[in-house]
């Protein structure tokens, strides 16, 4: 059975979303440089595409919408507001998970 993450990534793979390397370049101004932190202004889909291993954090906050089309334009800040969760805690947990993933790689 295909997971929601795989379905989302398959659906967006050939869509209008830029490739991850183009996304890194657009967000950082440098090709291939990883972002240091996840910010409130990033869209949910950017986080999912750049760091698919972090979807579990979004899901823990009830944001299973990381796979829906609304996530293409919804920022982390907007998603937190819509789901009634603390933006500061969400960003903290996302960035802690990102740091943990980086240590493991």
Protein backbone atom coordinates (compact mmCIF):
# COMPACT_ATOMS: atom_id res chain seq x y z
CA UNK A 1 0.00 0.00 0.00
CA UNK A 2 1.31 3.46 -0.90
CA UNK A 3 1.79 5.94 1.94
CA UNK A 4 0.36 9.45 1.91
CA UNK A 5 3.87 10.87 1.65
CA UNK A 6 4.68 8.74 -1.41
CA UNK A 7 1.35 9.68 -3.00
CA UNK A 8 1.99 13.38 -2.39
CA UNK A 9 5.53 13.20 -3.75
CA UNK A 10 4.38 11.25 -6.83
CA UNK A 11 1.62 13.78 -7.45
CA UNK A 12 3.92 16.77 -7.13
CA UNK A 13 6.98 15.20 -8.80
CA UNK A 14 6.06 16.38 -12.28
CA UNK A 15 3.91 19.31 -11.23
CA UNK A 16 4.71 22.99 -11.21
CA UNK A 17 6.76 22.67 -8.03
CA UNK A 18 10.47 23.29 -8.57
CA UNK A 19 12.98 20.55 -8.04
CA UNK A 20 14.49 20.32 -4.55
CA UNK A 21 17.83 21.73 -5.80
CA UNK A 22 16.04 24.66 -7.44
CA UNK A 23 14.08 25.15 -4.23
CA UNK A 24 17.31 25.21 -2.18
CA UNK A 25 18.74 27.72 -4.60
CA UNK A 26 15.67 29.94 -4.48
CA UNK A 27 15.44 29.89 -0.69
CA UNK A 28 19.14 30.25 0.09
CA UNK A 29 20.57 31.99 -2.94
CA UNK A 30 23.14 29.21 -3.27
CA UNK A 31 22.85 25.94 -5.11
CA UNK A 32 23.01 22.91 -2.85
CA UNK A 33 23.27 24.77 0.46
CA UNK A 34 20.90 23.40 3.06
CA UNK A 35 18.75 25.79 5.00
CA UNK A 36 19.91 26.36 8.53
CA UNK A 37 16.40 26.54 9.96
CA UNK A 38 12.79 26.14 9.00
CA UNK A 39 11.00 29.48 9.20
CA UNK A 40 7.39 30.56 9.61
CA UNK A 41 7.36 31.96 6.07
CA UNK A 42 8.19 28.66 4.37
CA UNK A 43 5.23 26.86 2.84
CA UNK A 44 4.24 23.47 4.17
CA UNK A 45 4.97 21.96 0.75
CA UNK A 46 8.50 23.42 0.80
CA UNK A 47 9.18 21.73 4.12
CA UNK A 48 7.74 18.43 2.84
CA UNK A 49 9.72 18.56 -0.40
CA UNK A 50 13.01 19.68 1.15
CA UNK A 51 12.78 17.53 4.26
CA UNK A 52 10.30 14.64 3.73
CA UNK A 53 11.59 13.02 6.92
CA UNK A 54 9.95 15.80 8.95
CA UNK A 55 6.35 15.08 7.95
CA UNK A 56 5.90 13.15 11.19
CA UNK A 57 6.35 16.40 13.13
CA UNK A 58 3.59 18.09 11.13
CA UNK A 59 1.36 15.06 11.66
CA UNK A 60 1.99 15.17 15.43
CA UNK A 61 0.48 18.66 15.36
CA UNK A 62 -2.58 17.42 13.47
CA UNK A 63 -1.29 18.86 10.22
CA UNK A 64 -1.86 15.84 8.00
CA UNK A 65 -2.71 18.49 5.43
CA UNK A 66 0.95 18.48 4.48
CA UNK A 67 -0.20 16.23 1.63
CA UNK A 68 -3.15 18.33 0.40
CA UNK A 69 -3.12 20.94 -2.33
CA UNK A 70 -3.65 23.77 0.19
CA UNK A 71 -0.14 23.09 1.50
CA UNK A 72 1.30 24.46 -1.75
CA UNK A 73 0.55 28.04 -0.65
CA UNK A 74 0.02 27.67 3.10
CA UNK A 75 2.92 28.87 5.24
CA UNK A 76 4.01 27.17 8.42
CA UNK A 77 2.65 30.20 10.27
CA UNK A 78 -0.72 30.00 8.51
CA UNK A 79 -0.96 26.26 9.07
CA UNK A 80 -0.24 26.66 12.78
CA UNK A 81 -2.91 29.34 13.03
CA UNK A 82 -5.48 27.24 11.12
CA UNK A 83 -4.83 24.23 13.35
CA UNK A 84 -4.70 26.22 16.59
CA UNK A 85 -1.18 25.17 17.51
CA UNK A 86 1.70 27.19 18.92
CA UNK A 87 3.86 28.49 16.08
CA UNK A 88 6.87 28.72 18.36
CA UNK A 89 6.55 25.11 19.54
CA UNK A 90 5.95 23.83 16.00
CA UNK A 91 9.02 25.64 14.64
CA UNK A 92 11.09 24.47 17.59
CA UNK A 93 10.07 20.84 17.05
CA UNK A 94 10.63 21.04 13.28
CA UNK A 95 14.08 22.55 13.72
CA UNK A 96 15.04 20.07 16.45
CA UNK A 97 14.01 17.21 14.16
CA UNK A 98 15.97 18.81 11.31
CA UNK A 99 19.09 19.09 13.48
CA UNK A 100 18.66 15.47 14.60
CA UNK A 101 18.32 14.30 10.98
CA UNK A 102 21.48 16.19 10.02
CA UNK A 103 23.46 14.59 12.84
CA UNK A 104 22.36 11.17 11.60
CA UNK A 105 23.46 11.82 8.02
